[in-house]
Amino acid sequence: MLLTLLVMLALVVLASFVYFGTNVASVVISVLCVAIFLFFLNFFRNPKREFLGFEEGMIIAPADGTVVIAEPAEEPFYFKDKRIQVSIFMSVLNVHANWYPTRGKVVYYTHNDGRFMAANLPKSSTENERSTIVIELENKVQILLRQVAGALARRIVTYSREGDICDENQQLGFIKFGSRVDLYLPMDSEVLVGVGQKVTGNQTVIAKVKKPIYE
């Protein structure tokens, strides 16, 4: 995609010089084309990261961004009960690659078409286009992760499929332009971040899930 964009912008710059010559208009068009290319180059960057020191029950930020929700909420589609919701909003300046937040097995996947309201609004989690995966941890606890498209986003890419074995250093997908990732955790989870906090995907530990107590 970036190569195609670069070729298109180069053709626009060449055409501007042919049509306008070397006057101010062609220079302005050239600068705008370079700025557009640099914006997309920055947006689609995909840094190589590795989380070290993983411990059972750790939940690591699946995306770069700002925590906009960290509170109990109803999860109406899969669990259909109250969970701790932690939501990370990604602006157009953030890395938009998404990582698995923990180790385990993907036991559920679905994609829903929907609206494209601003991703920082509470209703976006249930009304926008979204992909949902459920991961069963090694201790059999399940957590839900939802990729949510934003006002500018028009495509969610999700690599996950049911039956996949995952770990914290694997990427699970990508969301184009402003968007959000929601996590739904058990109510007894220890949340380590707060609203307004900046987090880094595959680096910031955002919660710890407790082991289930069996009778």
N, C-alpha and C. Protein backbone atom coordinates (compact mmCIF):
# COMPACT_ATOMS: atom_id res chain seq x y z
N MET A 1 0.82 -1.20 0.00
CA MET A 1 0.00 0.00 0.00
C MET A 1 0.86 1.26 0.00
N LEU A 2 1.91 1.26 0.83
CA LEU A 2 2.78 2.43 0.90
C LEU A 2 3.53 2.64 -0.41
N LEU A 3 3.92 1.55 -1.06
CA LEU A 3 4.61 1.67 -2.34
C LEU A 3 3.67 2.26 -3.38
N THR A 4 2.42 1.80 -3.41
CA THR A 4 1.43 2.35 -4.34
C THR A 4 1.20 3.82 -4.09
N LEU A 5 1.09 4.19 -2.81
CA LEU A 5 0.90 5.60 -2.46
C LEU A 5 2.09 6.44 -2.90
N LEU A 6 3.29 5.92 -2.69
CA LEU A 6 4.50 6.65 -3.07
C LEU A 6 4.54 6.89 -4.58
N VAL A 7 4.18 5.86 -5.35
CA VAL A 7 4.16 6.00 -6.81
C VAL A 7 3.13 7.03 -7.24
N MET A 8 1.95 6.99 -6.63
CA MET A 8 0.90 7.95 -6.97
C MET A 8 1.32 9.38 -6.66
N LEU A 9 1.92 9.58 -5.48
CA LEU A 9 2.35 10.92 -5.10
C LEU A 9 3.48 11.41 -6.01
N ALA A 10 4.37 10.50 -6.40
CA ALA A 10 5.45 10.89 -7.31
C ALA A 10 4.89 11.34 -8.65
N LEU A 11 3.86 10.64 -9.13
CA LEU A 11 3.22 11.02 -10.39
C LEU A 11 2.54 12.39 -10.28
N VAL A 12 1.92 12.65 -9.12
CA VAL A 12 1.28 13.96 -8.91
C VAL A 12 2.32 15.06 -8.92
N VAL A 13 3.45 14.83 -8.22
CA VAL A 13 4.53 15.82 -8.20
C VAL A 13 5.07 16.06 -9.59
N LEU A 14 5.29 15.00 -10.36
CA LEU A 14 5.80 15.13 -11.72
C LEU A 14 4.83 15.90 -12.59
N ALA A 15 3.54 15.57 -12.46
CA ALA A 15 2.52 16.28 -13.25
C ALA A 15 2.46 17.75 -12.89
N SER A 16 2.62 18.08 -11.61
CA SER A 16 2.57 19.48 -11.19
C SER A 16 3.72 20.28 -11.78
N PHE A 17 4.91 19.66 -11.85
CA PHE A 17 6.05 20.36 -12.44
C PHE A 17 5.88 20.52 -13.96
N VAL A 18 5.27 19.52 -14.60
CA VAL A 18 5.02 19.61 -16.04
C VAL A 18 4.00 20.71 -16.34
N TYR A 19 2.96 20.76 -15.49
CA TYR A 19 1.87 21.72 -15.74
C TYR A 19 2.21 23.12 -15.27
N PHE A 20 2.76 23.24 -14.05
CA PHE A 20 3.02 24.55 -13.47
C PHE A 20 4.45 25.03 -13.65
N GLY A 21 5.35 24.13 -14.02
CA GLY A 21 6.75 24.50 -14.07
C GLY A 21 7.35 24.51 -12.68
N THR A 22 8.27 25.40 -12.42
CA THR A 22 8.92 25.44 -11.10
C THR A 22 8.43 26.61 -10.27
N ASN A 23 7.17 27.01 -10.46
CA ASN A 23 6.64 28.13 -9.69
C ASN A 23 6.15 27.69 -8.31
N VAL A 24 5.54 28.60 -7.59
CA VAL A 24 5.11 28.34 -6.21
C VAL A 24 4.10 27.20 -6.13
N ALA A 25 3.19 27.13 -7.09
CA ALA A 25 2.13 26.11 -7.04
C ALA A 25 2.72 24.70 -7.05
N SER A 26 3.70 24.46 -7.91
CA SER A 26 4.29 23.13 -7.98
C SER A 26 5.05 22.79 -6.71
N VAL A 27 5.70 23.79 -6.11
CA VAL A 27 6.42 23.57 -4.85
C VAL A 27 5.45 23.22 -3.73
N VAL A 28 4.32 23.95 -3.67
CA VAL A 28 3.31 23.70 -2.64
C VAL A 28 2.75 22.29 -2.79
N ILE A 29 2.44 21.90 -4.04
CA ILE A 29 1.90 20.55 -4.27
C ILE A 29 2.91 19.50 -3.86
N SER A 30 4.18 19.73 -4.17
CA SER A 30 5.23 18.77 -3.82
C SER A 30 5.34 18.61 -2.31
N VAL A 31 5.31 19.73 -1.59
CA VAL A 31 5.40 19.69 -0.13
C VAL A 31 4.21 18.95 0.46
N LEU A 32 3.01 19.20 -0.07
CA LEU A 32 1.81 18.52 0.42
C LEU A 32 1.91 17.01 0.18
N CYS A 33 2.41 16.63 -0.98
CA CYS A 33 2.55 15.20 -1.28
C CYS A 33 3.53 14.52 -0.33
N VAL A 34 4.64 15.19 -0.07
CA VAL A 34 5.63 14.64 0.87
C VAL A 34 5.02 14.51 2.26
N ALA A 35 4.25 15.52 2.67
CA ALA A 35 3.62 15.50 3.99
C ALA A 35 2.62 14.34 4.10
N ILE A 36 1.84 14.13 3.04
CA ILE A 36 0.88 13.03 3.04
C ILE A 36 1.59 11.69 3.14
N PHE A 37 2.65 11.53 2.38
CA PHE A 37 3.39 10.26 2.42
C PHE A 37 3.99 10.01 3.80
N LEU A 38 4.56 11.06 4.40
CA LEU A 38 5.15 10.90 5.73
C LEU A 38 4.10 10.55 6.77
N PHE A 39 2.89 11.12 6.62
CA PHE A 39 1.79 10.80 7.53
C PHE A 39 1.44 9.32 7.46
N PHE A 40 1.27 8.80 6.24
CA PHE A 40 0.93 7.39 6.09
C PHE A 40 2.07 6.48 6.51
N LEU A 41 3.29 6.90 6.24
CA LEU A 41 4.45 6.12 6.66
C LEU A 41 4.48 5.99 8.18
N ASN A 42 4.18 7.09 8.87
CA ASN A 42 4.13 7.09 10.33
C ASN A 42 2.97 6.26 10.84
N PHE A 43 1.82 6.36 10.19
CA PHE A 43 0.63 5.66 10.65
C PHE A 43 0.78 4.15 10.55
N PHE A 44 1.34 3.67 9.44
CA PHE A 44 1.43 2.24 9.22
C PHE A 44 2.73 1.62 9.76
N ARG A 45 3.43 2.37 10.60
CA ARG A 45 4.65 1.81 11.18
C ARG A 45 4.30 0.61 12.06
N ASN A 46 5.21 -0.35 12.10
CA ASN A 46 4.95 -1.59 12.82
C ASN A 46 6.19 -1.97 13.61
N PRO A 47 6.37 -1.38 14.79
CA PRO A 47 7.59 -1.62 15.55
C PRO A 47 7.70 -3.05 16.05
N LYS A 48 8.92 -3.55 16.10
CA LYS A 48 9.17 -4.88 16.64
C LYS A 48 9.34 -4.77 18.15
N ARG A 49 8.47 -5.46 18.89
CA ARG A 49 8.52 -5.39 20.34
C ARG A 49 8.49 -6.80 20.93
N GLU A 50 9.07 -6.92 22.13
CA GLU A 50 9.04 -8.19 22.84
C GLU A 50 8.87 -7.92 24.32
N PHE A 51 7.88 -8.55 24.92
CA PHE A 51 7.65 -8.42 26.35
C PHE A 51 8.42 -9.51 27.07
N LEU A 52 9.20 -9.11 28.05
CA LEU A 52 9.99 -10.05 28.83
C LEU A 52 9.46 -10.12 30.26
N GLY A 53 9.53 -11.28 30.87
CA GLY A 53 9.12 -11.41 32.27
C GLY A 53 7.64 -11.72 32.44
N PHE A 54 7.03 -12.37 31.46
CA PHE A 54 5.61 -12.71 31.58
C PHE A 54 5.37 -13.66 32.75
N GLU A 55 4.29 -13.39 33.49
CA GLU A 55 3.85 -14.27 34.56
C GLU A 55 2.39 -14.65 34.35
N GLU A 56 2.02 -15.82 34.83
CA GLU A 56 0.65 -16.29 34.65
C GLU A 56 -0.36 -15.27 35.19
N GLY A 57 -1.37 -14.98 34.40
CA GLY A 57 -2.41 -14.05 34.80
C GLY A 57 -2.18 -12.61 34.37
N MET A 58 -0.99 -12.31 33.85
CA MET A 58 -0.71 -10.95 33.39
C MET A 58 -1.56 -10.61 32.16
N ILE A 59 -2.08 -9.39 32.16
CA ILE A 59 -2.78 -8.84 30.99
C ILE A 59 -1.99 -7.61 30.54
N ILE A 60 -1.47 -7.67 29.33
CA ILE A 60 -0.60 -6.62 28.80
C ILE A 60 -1.38 -5.80 27.79
N ALA A 61 -1.10 -4.52 27.74
CA ALA A 61 -1.81 -3.64 26.82
C ALA A 61 -1.75 -4.19 25.39
N PRO A 62 -2.90 -4.37 24.75
CA PRO A 62 -2.90 -4.88 23.37
C PRO A 62 -2.66 -3.81 22.32
N ALA A 63 -2.58 -2.54 22.76
CA ALA A 63 -2.44 -1.44 21.81
C ALA A 63 -1.81 -0.23 22.47
N ASP A 64 -1.22 0.63 21.66
CA ASP A 64 -0.77 1.94 22.12
C ASP A 64 -1.98 2.86 22.26
N GLY A 65 -1.93 3.77 23.21
CA GLY A 65 -3.02 4.74 23.31
C GLY A 65 -3.26 5.23 24.72
N THR A 66 -4.47 5.71 24.94
CA THR A 66 -4.87 6.28 26.23
C THR A 66 -6.04 5.49 26.80
N VAL A 67 -5.96 5.16 28.07
CA VAL A 67 -7.07 4.46 28.73
C VAL A 67 -8.24 5.43 28.89
N VAL A 68 -9.39 5.07 28.32
CA VAL A 68 -10.57 5.94 28.39
C VAL A 68 -11.66 5.34 29.28
N ILE A 69 -11.57 4.04 29.56
CA ILE A 69 -12.52 3.38 30.46
C ILE A 69 -11.77 2.36 31.30
N ALA A 70 -12.03 2.35 32.59
CA ALA A 70 -11.48 1.33 33.49
C ALA A 70 -12.46 1.18 34.65
N GLU A 71 -13.52 0.40 34.40
CA GLU A 71 -14.59 0.29 35.38
C GLU A 71 -15.46 -0.93 35.07
N PRO A 72 -16.28 -1.36 36.04
CA PRO A 72 -17.21 -2.47 35.78
C PRO A 72 -18.24 -2.07 34.73
N ALA A 73 -18.58 -3.01 33.85
CA ALA A 73 -19.56 -2.75 32.80
C ALA A 73 -20.18 -4.07 32.35
N GLU A 74 -21.38 -4.00 31.80
CA GLU A 74 -22.02 -5.19 31.26
C GLU A 74 -21.39 -5.55 29.92
N GLU A 75 -21.12 -6.83 29.72
CA GLU A 75 -20.69 -7.33 28.41
C GLU A 75 -21.87 -8.12 27.86
N PRO A 76 -22.63 -7.53 26.92
CA PRO A 76 -23.94 -8.09 26.56
C PRO A 76 -23.94 -9.18 25.50
N PHE A 77 -22.83 -9.46 24.86
CA PHE A 77 -22.86 -10.34 23.70
C PHE A 77 -22.33 -11.76 23.96
N TYR A 78 -21.25 -11.88 24.71
CA TYR A 78 -20.65 -13.20 24.93
C TYR A 78 -20.84 -13.65 26.38
N PHE A 79 -20.28 -12.92 27.32
CA PHE A 79 -20.40 -13.29 28.72
C PHE A 79 -21.81 -13.04 29.26
N LYS A 80 -22.39 -11.93 28.79
CA LYS A 80 -23.74 -11.53 29.22
C LYS A 80 -23.82 -11.35 30.73
N ASP A 81 -22.78 -10.77 31.28
CA ASP A 81 -22.77 -10.43 32.70
C ASP A 81 -21.82 -9.26 32.92
N LYS A 82 -21.60 -8.89 34.16
CA LYS A 82 -20.74 -7.75 34.47
C LYS A 82 -19.28 -8.17 34.51
N ARG A 83 -18.45 -7.36 33.88
CA ARG A 83 -17.00 -7.58 33.82
C ARG A 83 -16.30 -6.24 34.08
N ILE A 84 -15.00 -6.28 34.29
CA ILE A 84 -14.22 -5.05 34.34
C ILE A 84 -13.81 -4.71 32.91
N GLN A 85 -14.25 -3.55 32.45
CA GLN A 85 -13.91 -3.11 31.11
C GLN A 85 -12.73 -2.14 31.16
N VAL A 86 -11.70 -2.43 30.37
CA VAL A 86 -10.58 -1.52 30.19
C VAL A 86 -10.49 -1.21 28.70
N SER A 87 -10.65 0.05 28.34
CA SER A 87 -10.67 0.45 26.93
C SER A 87 -9.52 1.39 26.64
N ILE A 88 -8.83 1.14 25.53
CA ILE A 88 -7.69 1.95 25.10
C ILE A 88 -8.03 2.63 23.78
N PHE A 89 -8.01 3.95 23.77
CA PHE A 89 -8.30 4.72 22.56
C PHE A 89 -7.01 5.03 21.83
N MET A 90 -6.99 4.72 20.53
CA MET A 90 -5.82 4.99 19.69
C MET A 90 -6.11 6.18 18.78
N SER A 91 -5.32 7.23 18.89
CA SER A 91 -5.46 8.36 17.98
C SER A 91 -4.75 8.03 16.67
N VAL A 92 -4.88 8.90 15.67
CA VAL A 92 -4.23 8.64 14.38
C VAL A 92 -2.71 8.69 14.51
N LEU A 93 -2.19 9.21 15.62
CA LEU A 93 -0.74 9.30 15.80
C LEU A 93 -0.16 8.06 16.46
N ASN A 94 -1.01 7.21 17.02
CA ASN A 94 -0.54 6.00 17.69
C ASN A 94 -0.23 4.89 16.70
N VAL A 95 0.63 3.94 17.13
CA VAL A 95 0.80 2.70 16.40
C VAL A 95 -0.53 1.96 16.42
N HIS A 96 -0.97 1.43 15.28
CA HIS A 96 -2.28 0.79 15.23
C HIS A 96 -2.22 -0.73 15.10
N ALA A 97 -1.04 -1.30 15.24
CA ALA A 97 -0.93 -2.76 15.36
C ALA A 97 -1.48 -3.17 16.72
N ASN A 98 -2.09 -4.34 16.79
CA ASN A 98 -2.64 -4.87 18.04
C ASN A 98 -1.96 -6.19 18.39
N TRP A 99 -1.70 -6.38 19.68
CA TRP A 99 -1.04 -7.59 20.17
C TRP A 99 -2.00 -8.39 21.05
N TYR A 100 -1.75 -9.70 21.16
CA TYR A 100 -2.48 -10.48 22.15
C TYR A 100 -2.08 -10.00 23.54
N PRO A 101 -3.04 -9.87 24.44
CA PRO A 101 -2.72 -9.34 25.78
C PRO A 101 -2.20 -10.39 26.76
N THR A 102 -2.23 -11.66 26.36
CA THR A 102 -1.82 -12.71 27.29
C THR A 102 -1.60 -14.01 26.51
N ARG A 103 -1.28 -15.07 27.25
CA ARG A 103 -1.10 -16.38 26.64
C ARG A 103 -2.36 -17.22 26.81
N GLY A 104 -2.62 -18.06 25.81
CA GLY A 104 -3.79 -18.92 25.92
C GLY A 104 -4.23 -19.44 24.57
N LYS A 105 -5.53 -19.69 24.46
CA LYS A 105 -6.12 -20.24 23.24
C LYS A 105 -7.33 -19.42 22.85
N VAL A 106 -7.44 -19.09 21.56
CA VAL A 106 -8.61 -18.37 21.05
C VAL A 106 -9.77 -19.35 20.95
N VAL A 107 -10.82 -19.11 21.74
CA VAL A 107 -11.96 -20.03 21.75
C VAL A 107 -13.19 -19.45 21.07
N TYR A 108 -13.10 -18.18 20.67
CA TYR A 108 -14.26 -17.54 20.01
C TYR A 108 -13.77 -16.38 19.17
N TYR A 109 -14.37 -16.23 17.98
CA TYR A 109 -14.08 -15.10 17.11
C TYR A 109 -15.33 -14.73 16.32
N THR A 110 -15.59 -13.43 16.21
CA THR A 110 -16.69 -12.97 15.35
C THR A 110 -16.40 -11.55 14.90
N HIS A 111 -16.96 -11.19 13.75
CA HIS A 111 -16.85 -9.82 13.22
C HIS A 111 -18.24 -9.30 12.98
N ASN A 112 -18.49 -8.05 13.40
CA ASN A 112 -19.80 -7.41 13.22
C ASN A 112 -19.65 -6.10 12.48
N ASP A 113 -20.44 -5.93 11.43
CA ASP A 113 -20.49 -4.63 10.77
C ASP A 113 -21.26 -3.67 11.66
N GLY A 114 -21.05 -2.38 11.45
CA GLY A 114 -21.75 -1.41 12.29
C GLY A 114 -21.47 0.02 11.86
N ARG A 115 -21.69 0.93 12.77
CA ARG A 115 -21.52 2.36 12.50
C ARG A 115 -20.05 2.75 12.66
N PHE A 116 -19.78 4.05 12.44
CA PHE A 116 -18.42 4.56 12.55
C PHE A 116 -18.39 5.85 13.37
N MET A 117 -19.04 5.81 14.54
CA MET A 117 -18.99 6.97 15.44
C MET A 117 -17.60 7.04 16.09
N ALA A 118 -17.31 8.17 16.72
CA ALA A 118 -16.00 8.36 17.35
C ALA A 118 -15.72 7.23 18.33
N ALA A 119 -14.50 6.67 18.24
CA ALA A 119 -14.17 5.47 19.02
C ALA A 119 -14.04 5.74 20.51
N ASN A 120 -13.92 7.00 20.92
CA ASN A 120 -13.81 7.30 22.35
C ASN A 120 -15.17 7.40 23.03
N LEU A 121 -16.27 7.26 22.28
CA LEU A 121 -17.60 7.30 22.86
C LEU A 121 -17.98 5.92 23.40
N PRO A 122 -18.68 5.85 24.55
CA PRO A 122 -19.01 4.56 25.15
C PRO A 122 -19.79 3.63 24.23
N LYS A 123 -20.74 4.16 23.44
CA LYS A 123 -21.59 3.33 22.60
C LYS A 123 -20.84 2.69 21.44
N SER A 124 -19.64 3.20 21.13
CA SER A 124 -18.90 2.65 19.99
C SER A 124 -18.59 1.17 20.18
N SER A 125 -18.47 0.74 21.43
CA SER A 125 -18.13 -0.65 21.72
C SER A 125 -19.20 -1.62 21.27
N THR A 126 -20.46 -1.15 21.23
CA THR A 126 -21.57 -2.04 20.88
C THR A 126 -22.23 -1.68 19.55
N GLU A 127 -21.97 -0.49 19.01
CA GLU A 127 -22.65 -0.05 17.80
C GLU A 127 -21.74 0.10 16.59
N ASN A 128 -20.42 0.27 16.80
CA ASN A 128 -19.51 0.42 15.67
C ASN A 128 -19.13 -0.93 15.07
N GLU A 129 -18.50 -0.88 13.88
CA GLU A 129 -17.91 -2.10 13.33
C GLU A 129 -16.89 -2.63 14.34
N ARG A 130 -16.86 -3.95 14.54
CA ARG A 130 -16.00 -4.50 15.59
C ARG A 130 -15.69 -5.96 15.33
N SER A 131 -14.55 -6.38 15.82
CA SER A 131 -14.18 -7.80 15.85
C SER A 131 -13.97 -8.20 17.30
N THR A 132 -14.44 -9.38 17.65
CA THR A 132 -14.36 -9.85 19.04
C THR A 132 -13.67 -11.20 19.09
N ILE A 133 -12.71 -11.33 20.00
CA ILE A 133 -12.10 -12.63 20.25
C ILE A 133 -12.15 -12.91 21.75
N VAL A 134 -12.27 -14.17 22.10
CA VAL A 134 -12.22 -14.60 23.50
C VAL A 134 -11.03 -15.52 23.65
N ILE A 135 -10.20 -15.22 24.64
CA ILE A 135 -9.00 -16.01 24.91
C ILE A 135 -9.18 -16.76 26.22
N GLU A 136 -8.94 -18.06 26.19
CA GLU A 136 -8.94 -18.85 27.41
C GLU A 136 -7.51 -19.01 27.88
N LEU A 137 -7.23 -18.48 29.08
CA LEU A 137 -5.88 -18.55 29.63
C LEU A 137 -5.54 -19.97 30.05
N GLU A 138 -4.28 -20.16 30.38
CA GLU A 138 -3.83 -21.49 30.80
C GLU A 138 -4.54 -21.95 32.07
N ASN A 139 -5.01 -20.99 32.89
CA ASN A 139 -5.73 -21.37 34.11
C ASN A 139 -7.24 -21.48 33.89
N LYS A 140 -7.66 -21.48 32.59
CA LYS A 140 -9.05 -21.67 32.17
C LYS A 140 -9.93 -20.43 32.34
N VAL A 141 -9.38 -19.33 32.82
CA VAL A 141 -10.12 -18.08 32.87
C VAL A 141 -10.23 -17.52 31.46
N GLN A 142 -11.39 -16.96 31.12
CA GLN A 142 -11.59 -16.38 29.80
C GLN A 142 -11.64 -14.85 29.88
N ILE A 143 -11.00 -14.20 28.90
CA ILE A 143 -11.10 -12.75 28.76
C ILE A 143 -11.54 -12.43 27.34
N LEU A 144 -12.17 -11.30 27.18
CA LEU A 144 -12.66 -10.91 25.86
C LEU A 144 -11.93 -9.66 25.39
N LEU A 145 -11.53 -9.66 24.14
CA LEU A 145 -10.89 -8.49 23.52
C LEU A 145 -11.72 -8.09 22.31
N ARG A 146 -11.99 -6.79 22.19
CA ARG A 146 -12.81 -6.30 21.07
C ARG A 146 -12.08 -5.15 20.36
N GLN A 147 -11.83 -5.33 19.08
CA GLN A 147 -11.30 -4.25 18.24
C GLN A 147 -12.48 -3.44 17.72
N VAL A 148 -12.44 -2.13 17.92
CA VAL A 148 -13.57 -1.26 17.55
C VAL A 148 -13.11 -0.21 16.54
N ALA A 149 -13.80 -0.14 15.41
CA ALA A 149 -13.48 0.88 14.41
C ALA A 149 -13.97 2.24 14.88
N GLY A 150 -13.25 3.30 14.48
CA GLY A 150 -13.62 4.66 14.87
C GLY A 150 -14.26 5.44 13.74
N ALA A 151 -14.32 6.76 13.92
CA ALA A 151 -14.97 7.62 12.94
C ALA A 151 -14.23 7.62 11.61
N LEU A 152 -12.91 7.49 11.64
CA LEU A 152 -12.12 7.48 10.41
C LEU A 152 -11.81 6.07 9.93
N ALA A 153 -11.81 5.13 10.86
CA ALA A 153 -11.44 3.75 10.50
C ALA A 153 -12.51 3.14 9.61
N ARG A 154 -12.08 2.40 8.62
CA ARG A 154 -13.00 1.71 7.72
C ARG A 154 -12.62 0.25 7.51
N ARG A 155 -11.64 -0.20 8.26
CA ARG A 155 -11.27 -1.60 8.11
C ARG A 155 -10.57 -2.11 9.36
N ILE A 156 -11.08 -3.21 9.90
CA ILE A 156 -10.43 -3.90 11.00
C ILE A 156 -9.82 -5.18 10.45
N VAL A 157 -8.55 -5.38 10.71
CA VAL A 157 -7.88 -6.61 10.30
C VAL A 157 -7.65 -7.46 11.54
N THR A 158 -8.17 -8.68 11.54
CA THR A 158 -8.00 -9.59 12.67
C THR A 158 -7.43 -10.90 12.16
N TYR A 159 -6.26 -11.26 12.68
CA TYR A 159 -5.63 -12.51 12.25
C TYR A 159 -6.17 -13.71 13.01
N SER A 160 -6.78 -13.49 14.15
CA SER A 160 -7.19 -14.56 15.06
C SER A 160 -8.32 -15.41 14.48
N ARG A 161 -8.25 -16.70 14.76
CA ARG A 161 -9.34 -17.61 14.45
C ARG A 161 -9.47 -18.61 15.60
N GLU A 162 -10.64 -19.15 15.76
CA GLU A 162 -10.89 -20.11 16.84
C GLU A 162 -9.92 -21.28 16.75
N GLY A 163 -9.35 -21.63 17.88
CA GLY A 163 -8.40 -22.73 17.95
C GLY A 163 -6.95 -22.29 17.93
N ASP A 164 -6.70 -21.01 17.60
CA ASP A 164 -5.32 -20.51 17.57
C ASP A 164 -4.72 -20.49 18.97
N ILE A 165 -3.48 -20.90 19.09
CA ILE A 165 -2.72 -20.76 20.33
C ILE A 165 -1.97 -19.43 20.24
N CYS A 166 -2.08 -18.61 21.27
CA CYS A 166 -1.51 -17.27 21.20
C CYS A 166 -0.60 -16.98 22.40
N ASP A 167 0.27 -16.00 22.23
CA ASP A 167 1.06 -15.51 23.35
C ASP A 167 1.22 -14.01 23.22
N GLU A 168 1.78 -13.40 24.25
CA GLU A 168 1.81 -11.95 24.38
C GLU A 168 2.67 -11.25 23.33
N ASN A 169 3.55 -11.95 22.67
CA ASN A 169 4.43 -11.32 21.68
C ASN A 169 3.96 -11.50 20.24
N GLN A 170 2.74 -12.03 20.09
CA GLN A 170 2.16 -12.18 18.76
C GLN A 170 1.20 -11.03 18.48
N GLN A 171 1.19 -10.58 17.23
CA GLN A 171 0.20 -9.58 16.83
C GLN A 171 -1.11 -10.29 16.46
N LEU A 172 -2.22 -9.68 16.88
CA LEU A 172 -3.53 -10.26 16.58
C LEU A 172 -4.26 -9.54 15.46
N GLY A 173 -3.78 -8.34 15.09
CA GLY A 173 -4.45 -7.61 14.03
C GLY A 173 -4.02 -6.17 13.93
N PHE A 174 -4.85 -5.39 13.23
CA PHE A 174 -4.53 -4.00 12.91
C PHE A 174 -5.85 -3.26 12.67
N ILE A 175 -5.92 -2.02 13.15
CA ILE A 175 -7.10 -1.19 12.87
C ILE A 175 -6.62 0.08 12.19
N LYS A 176 -7.23 0.41 11.07
CA LYS A 176 -6.77 1.57 10.31
C LYS A 176 -7.43 2.86 10.82
N PHE A 177 -6.61 3.83 11.15
CA PHE A 177 -6.99 5.16 11.64
C PHE A 177 -7.59 5.09 13.05
N GLY A 178 -8.13 6.21 13.53
CA GLY A 178 -8.55 6.31 14.93
C GLY A 178 -9.47 5.17 15.34
N SER A 179 -9.21 4.54 16.46
CA SER A 179 -9.95 3.35 16.83
C SER A 179 -9.74 3.02 18.30
N ARG A 180 -10.22 1.84 18.72
CA ARG A 180 -10.21 1.51 20.13
C ARG A 180 -10.12 0.00 20.32
N VAL A 181 -9.54 -0.40 21.44
CA VAL A 181 -9.54 -1.81 21.83
C VAL A 181 -10.13 -1.91 23.24
N ASP A 182 -11.13 -2.78 23.39
CA ASP A 182 -11.77 -3.02 24.69
C ASP A 182 -11.33 -4.38 25.22
N LEU A 183 -11.11 -4.43 26.52
CA LEU A 183 -10.87 -5.70 27.22
C LEU A 183 -11.94 -5.88 28.27
N TYR A 184 -12.47 -7.09 28.38
CA TYR A 184 -13.42 -7.42 29.45
C TYR A 184 -12.80 -8.53 30.29
N LEU A 185 -12.56 -8.21 31.56
CA LEU A 185 -11.84 -9.09 32.47
C LEU A 185 -12.75 -9.54 33.60
N PRO A 186 -12.43 -10.65 34.28
CA PRO A 186 -13.22 -11.07 35.44
C PRO A 186 -13.29 -9.96 36.50
N MET A 187 -14.36 -9.95 37.25
CA MET A 187 -14.59 -8.88 38.23
C MET A 187 -13.54 -8.84 39.33
N ASP A 188 -12.88 -9.96 39.61
CA ASP A 188 -11.89 -9.96 40.69
C ASP A 188 -10.48 -9.66 40.17
N SER A 189 -10.37 -9.22 38.92
CA SER A 189 -9.05 -8.87 38.37
C SER A 189 -8.50 -7.63 39.04
N GLU A 190 -7.18 -7.55 39.13
CA GLU A 190 -6.50 -6.38 39.68
C GLU A 190 -6.11 -5.47 38.53
N VAL A 191 -6.77 -4.33 38.42
CA VAL A 191 -6.49 -3.38 37.34
C VAL A 191 -5.37 -2.45 37.78
N LEU A 192 -4.36 -2.29 36.93
CA LEU A 192 -3.16 -1.54 37.28
C LEU A 192 -3.05 -0.21 36.56
N VAL A 193 -4.06 0.16 35.79
CA VAL A 193 -4.05 1.44 35.06
C VAL A 193 -5.31 2.21 35.37
N GLY A 194 -5.28 3.52 35.07
CA GLY A 194 -6.43 4.36 35.30
C GLY A 194 -6.77 5.18 34.08
N VAL A 195 -7.95 5.78 34.10
CA VAL A 195 -8.41 6.61 32.99
C VAL A 195 -7.44 7.77 32.77
N GLY A 196 -7.09 7.99 31.53
CA GLY A 196 -6.17 9.06 31.18
C GLY A 196 -4.72 8.62 31.08
N GLN A 197 -4.43 7.41 31.50
CA GLN A 197 -3.05 6.92 31.47
C GLN A 197 -2.67 6.47 30.06
N LYS A 198 -1.45 6.83 29.66
CA LYS A 198 -0.90 6.39 28.38
C LYS A 198 -0.32 4.98 28.55
N VAL A 199 -0.60 4.11 27.59
CA VAL A 199 -0.07 2.75 27.64
C VAL A 199 0.60 2.42 26.32
N THR A 200 1.51 1.45 26.38
CA THR A 200 2.24 1.01 25.18
C THR A 200 1.93 -0.44 24.91
N GLY A 201 1.50 -0.73 23.70
CA GLY A 201 1.15 -2.09 23.32
C GLY A 201 2.31 -3.04 23.49
N ASN A 202 2.01 -4.22 24.06
CA ASN A 202 3.00 -5.27 24.28
C ASN A 202 4.09 -4.88 25.27
N GLN A 203 3.84 -3.83 26.07
CA GLN A 203 4.83 -3.37 27.04
C GLN A 203 4.23 -3.08 28.41
N THR A 204 3.08 -2.42 28.46
CA THR A 204 2.48 -1.99 29.72
C THR A 204 1.58 -3.09 30.30
N VAL A 205 1.85 -3.51 31.52
CA VAL A 205 0.97 -4.46 32.21
C VAL A 205 -0.23 -3.68 32.74
N ILE A 206 -1.42 -4.02 32.28
CA ILE A 206 -2.60 -3.24 32.65
C ILE A 206 -3.47 -3.94 33.70
N ALA A 207 -3.28 -5.26 33.89
CA ALA A 207 -4.09 -5.95 34.88
C ALA A 207 -3.48 -7.32 35.20
N LYS A 208 -3.97 -7.90 36.28
CA LYS A 208 -3.62 -9.26 36.64
C LYS A 208 -4.89 -10.03 36.95
N VAL A 209 -5.04 -11.15 36.28
CA VAL A 209 -6.21 -11.99 36.47
C VAL A 209 -5.90 -13.06 37.51
N LYS A 210 -6.80 -13.21 38.48
CA LYS A 210 -6.57 -14.18 39.54
C LYS A 210 -6.92 -15.59 39.08
N LYS A 211 -6.27 -16.54 39.70
CA LYS A 211 -6.57 -17.94 39.42
C LYS A 211 -7.95 -18.28 39.95
N PRO A 212 -8.71 -19.11 39.22
CA PRO A 212 -10.02 -19.50 39.73
C PRO A 212 -9.90 -20.40 40.96
N ILE A 213 -10.86 -20.29 41.84
CA ILE A 213 -10.88 -21.12 43.05
C ILE A 213 -11.90 -22.24 42.83
N TYR A 214 -11.41 -23.46 42.81
CA TYR A 214 -12.29 -24.61 42.58
C TYR A 214 -12.68 -25.22 43.93
N GLU A 215 -13.91 -25.64 43.97
CA GLU A 215 -14.40 -26.29 45.20
C GLU A 215 -13.74 -27.66 45.36
